[in-house]
Each structure stands twice: as structure tokens, then as C-alpha cells.
Amino acid sequence: MMNMQRVLKGMLVIGLATASLAAMQQSAASVVIAGTRVIYPENEAEVTVKLTNDGKTPALTQIWLDLGDPDAAPSTIDVPFTVTPPVARIDPGRAQTIRIIYTGEPLPKDKESVFWMNMLEVPPKPGADIAESNTLQMAYRTRIKLFFRPAGLKAGDAATAPSRVVWRIQQTGATKSIQASNPSPFHVSLASVEVKGGGRTARFDLGGMIGPGETKSFPLTGDVPAGADTKVIYHAINDYGGAIDAEAPLGASTEGSVKAP
């Protein structure tokens, strides 16, 4: 275990591949994760994630999970999962299946837990034709959410969780925010929120996530009155990375009236 931790730490610290400055503008990550999130039902022995190398050169990948701190070193993170293989070479046009296994440490039974899956892609060492040219070290890191879903929660209810959110306008000095309260046991991921009323529109476009039982405030760009005709138009993200678009009045949820495209 200690040797593997050293390998992972070493890759993260020194694993920045070399790319020529001339090729920088055309440079892009080659390895693609299948999906934008991972759902881990508690009753599953494992879940798998497919990585595909769409590039023209081999790539070395490192996979690890974290608790929410993107700056934490893999060797210092203690999560109740095993990832195998944690390091893999993927040839051009080929795929690699990553297995994630829950190791059984206690997690809440009445709500989802969220973790983050990281993929660091390290391109190969440059060939002799550019080895002596000016170079810049770089690597690509992709980070997606992993939701651990207890067996006692109904999977279908995750799709309706955004409709249970209660919205309120919050005024702090000269700044207005939209406050979202999530009474469900599922995480609600938002791409954006619009608030419309009195012929005006205010927006929050940075995206965010509201945990089970959590209340969060998102600062609005623009100003709208908190009147009877004011409504919230939200754009949530479902288990498959698709959009859930719906609207709700202030101080109310839209449970039972979600519109999915």
C-alpha cells in the first residue's frame, strides 16, 4: 500500500508531460471519461468507468478519489473506495475500464454522500525531433462527482429532487441572492438559475450543488423584485448528465411538475 501511495504521489508531482511550444495552441486532452458523474448504488459490488484515448499518442493516466479538496495529494486522502487500476497506459484508439469498489466503511444511510473522481492524463515523452526545442511541461486533469447512494433511497426519486427545492430571494446590503433549500436526501446539481419578475431578469450562471438538507445562497447578476409574479427558472443536471429544466414560484417547490427535455 505504501509503495502504491509513493507511485501515485510521484506521478502527481512529476507527471507533467512535455509538449512543444509550437504545438501549444493545438494541444488538448486525449483521454475522455464516459459520463460526467458516477452513481454508486450501495448494493452494487463495484461500478466501472470507461476511459477512451481519442488522441494519436499513448497516454498515461492516474485515477484517484477525493473528499472535496482538489488540492489534496492522493497519498494523504482516506476514502472508503479502492480504484483499480490506479495507473494505466491507454494506447491511441483504445479504452481502459476503471473499477471502483466500496470497501464498506460506514457512510450515512439516510442520504447520499459525494466524492470526487480525478483523472490526471500524462502525455508521452516528446520524440527526438522536438526534444531539443523549447518545451513547456503540462498535464490535463479531469474531475467529476461520484455519488454514493444508500440502498434505502429510491433511485427514481433522485430525478425529482430538484423539484423539491424551495427558493427565496435573499437581500444582503445591496446584493441580492437566490437562496435554495434542499429537503431531499439527494444532491441537487445546478447548471444555472434565472429569476424573473416585474419585467426584469437576474441570473446565476456559475453552477453549484446543494447537498441533502442543505441551504445555499447564489449571488445574482441583475435585480428583480420579490413580488407575487416572481419565478425561478432553474437548470439542473440529472444522473446521466442531462438537463432538467423547470420553474418554481418563490417560497415553493415544483414537486410533481418537472419538465425534462
Protein backbone atom coordinates (compact mmCIF):
# COMPACT_ATOMS: atom_id res chain seq x y z
CA MET A 1 0.00 0.00 0.00
CA MET A 2 2.79 2.37 0.93
CA ASN A 3 4.61 1.64 -2.35
CA MET A 4 1.45 2.38 -4.34
CA GLN A 5 0.99 5.66 -2.45
CA ARG A 6 4.53 6.64 -3.39
CA VAL A 7 3.79 5.82 -7.04
CA LEU A 8 0.62 7.94 -7.01
CA LYS A 9 2.30 10.84 -5.25
CA GLY A 10 5.24 10.69 -7.60
CA MET A 11 3.03 10.77 -10.67
CA LEU A 12 1.10 13.77 -9.40
CA VAL A 13 4.27 15.69 -8.53
CA ILE A 14 6.47 14.87 -11.53
CA GLY A 15 3.91 13.61 -14.01
CA LEU A 16 3.59 16.74 -16.14
CA ALA A 17 4.26 15.73 -19.72
CA THR A 18 6.23 17.80 -22.19
CA ALA A 19 4.67 19.50 -25.20
CA SER A 20 6.44 21.77 -27.66
CA LEU A 21 5.57 25.47 -27.58
CA ALA A 22 4.80 25.31 -31.27
CA ALA A 23 2.06 22.77 -30.63
CA MET A 24 0.56 24.52 -27.61
CA GLN A 25 -2.37 26.12 -29.45
CA GLN A 26 -3.49 22.74 -30.80
CA SER A 27 -2.91 20.88 -27.57
CA ALA A 28 -5.88 19.19 -25.86
CA ALA A 29 -6.61 16.33 -23.54
CA SER A 30 -6.86 13.00 -25.35
CA VAL A 31 -8.42 10.72 -22.73
CA VAL A 32 -12.17 11.08 -22.29
CA ILE A 33 -14.26 9.85 -19.34
CA ALA A 34 -17.55 8.21 -20.31
CA GLY A 35 -20.05 10.34 -18.40
CA THR A 36 -19.98 13.49 -16.32
CA ARG A 37 -20.72 11.82 -12.97
CA VAL A 38 -20.60 8.40 -11.31
CA ILE A 39 -23.52 6.93 -9.38
CA TYR A 40 -22.56 4.20 -6.90
CA PRO A 41 -25.61 2.28 -5.55
CA GLU A 42 -24.74 0.77 -2.18
CA ASN A 43 -25.95 -2.70 -3.16
CA GLU A 44 -23.51 -2.92 -6.09
CA ALA A 45 -20.24 -4.81 -5.58
CA GLU A 46 -18.47 -2.31 -7.82
CA VAL A 47 -19.06 0.28 -10.52
CA THR A 48 -17.00 0.75 -13.65
CA VAL A 49 -15.93 3.86 -15.54
CA LYS A 50 -14.67 3.74 -19.13
CA LEU A 51 -11.74 5.87 -20.27
CA THR A 52 -11.10 6.24 -24.01
CA ASN A 53 -8.00 7.66 -25.68
CA ASP A 54 -9.21 9.67 -28.66
CA GLY A 55 -5.74 11.04 -29.36
CA LYS A 56 -2.95 9.88 -31.65
CA THR A 57 -0.37 9.07 -28.99
CA PRO A 58 -0.32 6.82 -25.89
CA ALA A 59 -1.34 8.41 -22.62
CA LEU A 60 -0.60 7.52 -19.01
CA THR A 61 -3.49 8.10 -16.61
CA GLN A 62 -3.67 8.29 -12.84
CA ILE A 63 -7.07 7.88 -11.12
CA TRP A 64 -7.93 8.71 -7.51
CA LEU A 65 -10.89 9.85 -5.40
CA ASP A 66 -11.00 12.79 -3.02
CA LEU A 67 -13.36 14.17 -0.39
CA GLY A 68 -13.87 17.58 -1.99
CA ASP A 69 -10.45 19.24 -1.67
CA PRO A 70 -8.99 19.48 -5.19
CA ASP A 71 -5.54 20.32 -3.80
CA ALA A 72 -5.21 17.26 -1.56
CA ALA A 73 -2.40 14.88 -2.55
CA PRO A 74 -3.61 11.35 -3.39
CA SER A 75 -1.29 9.83 -0.77
CA THR A 76 -3.00 11.82 2.02
CA ILE A 77 -6.63 11.07 1.12
CA ASP A 78 -8.61 8.43 3.03
CA VAL A 79 -11.77 7.41 1.15
CA PRO A 80 -13.86 4.22 1.53
CA PHE A 81 -13.15 3.08 -2.01
CA THR A 82 -10.50 1.20 -3.94
CA VAL A 83 -9.71 2.23 -7.52
CA THR A 84 -8.15 -0.30 -9.85
CA PRO A 85 -6.02 0.14 -11.79
CA PRO A 86 -4.95 3.46 -10.23
CA VAL A 87 -2.41 3.94 -13.03
CA ALA A 88 -2.95 2.83 -16.63
CA ARG A 89 -1.40 3.36 -20.05
CA ILE A 90 -4.01 3.76 -22.79
CA ASP A 91 -2.93 3.44 -26.41
CA PRO A 92 -4.49 5.58 -29.17
CA GLY A 93 -7.99 4.45 -30.09
CA ARG A 94 -8.15 2.08 -27.13
CA ALA A 95 -10.14 2.11 -23.89
CA GLN A 96 -9.49 1.22 -20.25
CA THR A 97 -12.14 0.21 -17.73
CA ILE A 98 -11.62 1.56 -14.22
CA ARG A 99 -13.20 -0.38 -11.34
CA ILE A 100 -14.34 1.47 -8.21
CA ILE A 101 -15.05 -0.76 -5.20
CA TYR A 102 -16.72 0.35 -1.96
CA THR A 103 -14.67 -1.00 0.94
CA GLY A 104 -17.51 -0.96 3.47
CA GLU A 105 -16.59 1.83 5.89
CA PRO A 106 -19.74 3.39 7.42
CA LEU A 107 -21.45 6.10 5.39
CA PRO A 108 -24.80 7.80 6.07
CA LYS A 109 -27.79 5.55 5.32
CA ASP A 110 -30.39 8.30 5.04
CA LYS A 111 -28.75 10.50 2.39
CA GLU A 112 -26.26 10.47 -0.46
CA SER A 113 -22.56 11.05 0.10
CA VAL A 114 -20.47 12.83 -2.51
CA PHE A 115 -16.87 12.20 -3.50
CA TRP A 116 -14.81 13.34 -6.49
CA MET A 117 -13.10 11.18 -9.10
CA ASN A 118 -9.88 12.63 -10.52
CA MET A 119 -8.14 11.64 -13.75
CA LEU A 120 -4.69 13.01 -14.46
CA GLU A 121 -3.57 12.47 -18.05
CA VAL A 122 0.18 12.46 -18.69
CA PRO A 123 1.11 12.59 -22.41
CA PRO A 124 4.19 10.65 -23.53
CA LYS A 125 7.75 11.95 -23.56
CA PRO A 126 8.43 14.05 -26.69
CA GLY A 127 10.26 12.47 -29.58
CA ALA A 128 13.80 13.28 -30.61
CA ASP A 129 12.57 15.77 -33.22
CA ILE A 130 11.32 18.20 -30.54
CA ALA A 131 13.38 17.08 -27.53
CA GLU A 132 15.91 19.88 -28.03
CA SER A 133 13.35 22.63 -28.75
CA ASN A 134 11.79 24.98 -26.21
CA THR A 135 9.27 22.99 -24.22
CA LEU A 136 6.63 23.52 -21.57
CA GLN A 137 5.56 20.90 -19.03
CA MET A 138 1.82 20.36 -18.84
CA ALA A 139 -0.79 17.74 -17.99
CA TYR A 140 -4.57 17.50 -18.04
CA ARG A 141 -6.76 16.80 -15.06
CA THR A 142 -10.46 15.97 -15.18
CA ARG A 143 -12.57 15.91 -12.01
CA ILE A 144 -16.15 14.58 -11.80
CA LYS A 145 -18.56 13.83 -8.95
CA LEU A 146 -19.16 10.38 -7.50
CA PHE A 147 -22.45 9.98 -5.60
CA PHE A 148 -22.72 7.08 -3.16
CA ARG A 149 -26.43 6.22 -2.96
CA PRO A 150 -27.60 4.18 0.08
CA ALA A 151 -29.78 1.17 -0.60
CA GLY A 152 -32.69 2.65 1.38
CA LEU A 153 -33.13 5.56 -1.04
CA LYS A 154 -35.34 5.12 -4.08
CA ALA A 155 -33.21 5.67 -7.17
CA GLY A 156 -36.11 7.21 -9.11
CA ASP A 157 -36.53 9.93 -6.51
CA ALA A 158 -33.19 11.46 -7.50
CA ALA A 159 -34.79 12.75 -10.71
CA THR A 160 -37.46 14.65 -8.78
CA ALA A 161 -35.10 16.09 -6.13
CA PRO A 162 -34.66 19.43 -7.99
CA SER A 163 -38.43 19.93 -7.96
CA ARG A 164 -38.43 19.76 -4.15
CA VAL A 165 -36.05 22.68 -3.72
CA VAL A 166 -37.62 25.77 -2.10
CA TRP A 167 -36.43 29.15 -3.44
CA ARG A 168 -36.28 32.55 -1.75
CA ILE A 169 -34.81 35.95 -2.57
CA GLN A 170 -32.16 36.98 -0.05
CA GLN A 171 -31.02 40.58 0.37
CA THR A 172 -27.64 41.32 1.96
CA GLY A 173 -26.89 45.02 1.79
CA ALA A 174 -27.01 45.98 -1.87
CA THR A 175 -26.54 42.39 -3.04
CA LYS A 176 -29.37 40.05 -3.91
CA SER A 177 -29.02 36.27 -3.91
CA ILE A 178 -31.30 33.36 -4.65
CA GLN A 179 -31.48 31.05 -1.64
CA ALA A 180 -32.13 27.36 -2.34
CA SER A 181 -33.19 24.85 0.36
CA ASN A 182 -32.98 21.16 -0.50
CA PRO A 183 -35.15 18.95 1.77
CA SER A 184 -34.40 15.77 -0.21
CA PRO A 185 -31.76 13.11 0.64
CA PHE A 186 -30.14 13.64 -2.79
CA HIS A 187 -27.62 16.17 -4.04
CA VAL A 188 -29.04 18.69 -6.49
CA SER A 189 -26.58 19.94 -9.13
CA LEU A 190 -27.42 23.21 -10.87
CA ALA A 191 -26.03 24.49 -14.17
CA SER A 192 -27.65 27.91 -13.82
CA VAL A 193 -30.60 29.79 -12.29
CA GLU A 194 -32.70 32.68 -13.60
CA VAL A 195 -35.08 34.79 -11.52
CA LYS A 196 -37.75 36.72 -13.42
CA GLY A 197 -40.25 39.26 -12.12
CA GLY A 198 -41.53 42.77 -12.70
CA GLY A 199 -40.25 42.65 -16.27
CA ARG A 200 -36.68 42.12 -15.11
CA THR A 201 -34.30 39.15 -15.00
CA ALA A 202 -31.41 38.27 -12.70
CA ARG A 203 -29.10 35.31 -13.19
CA PHE A 204 -26.61 32.99 -11.58
CA ASP A 205 -24.54 31.21 -14.24
CA LEU A 206 -21.62 29.67 -12.36
CA GLY A 207 -23.33 26.40 -11.39
CA GLY A 208 -23.42 24.84 -7.96
CA MET A 209 -24.58 21.95 -5.83
CA ILE A 210 -26.99 21.79 -2.90
CA GLY A 211 -26.43 18.87 -0.54
CA PRO A 212 -29.15 16.87 1.24
CA GLY A 213 -30.89 19.05 3.83
CA GLU A 214 -28.65 21.98 2.88
CA THR A 215 -29.49 25.63 2.19
CA LYS A 216 -27.22 27.62 -0.12
CA SER A 217 -27.27 31.15 -1.49
CA PHE A 218 -26.16 32.02 -5.02
CA PRO A 219 -25.37 35.68 -5.84
CA LEU A 220 -27.46 37.13 -8.65
CA THR A 221 -26.33 39.32 -11.51
CA GLY A 222 -29.14 41.80 -12.04
CA ASP A 223 -32.01 42.88 -9.83
CA VAL A 224 -35.58 41.63 -9.58
CA PRO A 225 -38.37 42.40 -7.09
CA ALA A 226 -39.61 39.62 -4.82
CA GLY A 227 -43.20 40.01 -6.00
CA ALA A 228 -46.09 37.62 -6.42
CA ASP A 229 -45.27 37.11 -10.10
CA THR A 230 -41.56 36.45 -9.49
CA LYS A 231 -40.48 32.99 -10.58
CA VAL A 232 -37.32 30.92 -10.61
CA ILE A 233 -36.23 29.08 -13.76
CA TYR A 234 -33.60 26.51 -12.88
CA HIS A 235 -31.44 24.22 -14.99
CA ALA A 236 -30.46 21.13 -13.01
CA ILE A 237 -28.40 18.10 -14.05
CA ASN A 238 -29.64 14.52 -13.75
CA ASP A 239 -27.82 11.23 -13.10
CA TYR A 240 -26.92 10.93 -16.79
CA GLY A 241 -25.57 14.45 -17.22
CA GLY A 242 -28.75 15.59 -18.97
CA ALA A 243 -30.72 18.75 -18.28
CA ILE A 244 -33.77 19.11 -16.06
CA ASP A 245 -35.37 22.48 -16.83
CA ALA A 246 -38.30 23.75 -14.77
CA GLU A 247 -39.65 26.77 -12.96
CA ALA A 248 -40.93 27.45 -9.47
CA PRO A 249 -42.52 30.36 -7.63
CA LEU A 250 -40.64 31.92 -4.76
CA GLY A 251 -41.14 30.14 -1.44
CA ALA A 252 -42.35 26.95 -3.11
CA SER A 253 -41.12 23.79 -4.77
CA THR A 254 -42.22 22.39 -8.14
CA GLU A 255 -42.64 18.81 -6.98
CA GLY A 256 -44.85 16.99 -9.46
CA SER A 257 -44.34 19.46 -12.32
CA VAL A 258 -40.79 18.99 -13.53
CA LYS A 259 -40.28 19.45 -17.26
CA ALA A 260 -37.45 17.36 -18.70
CA PRO A 261 -36.47 17.94 -22.37
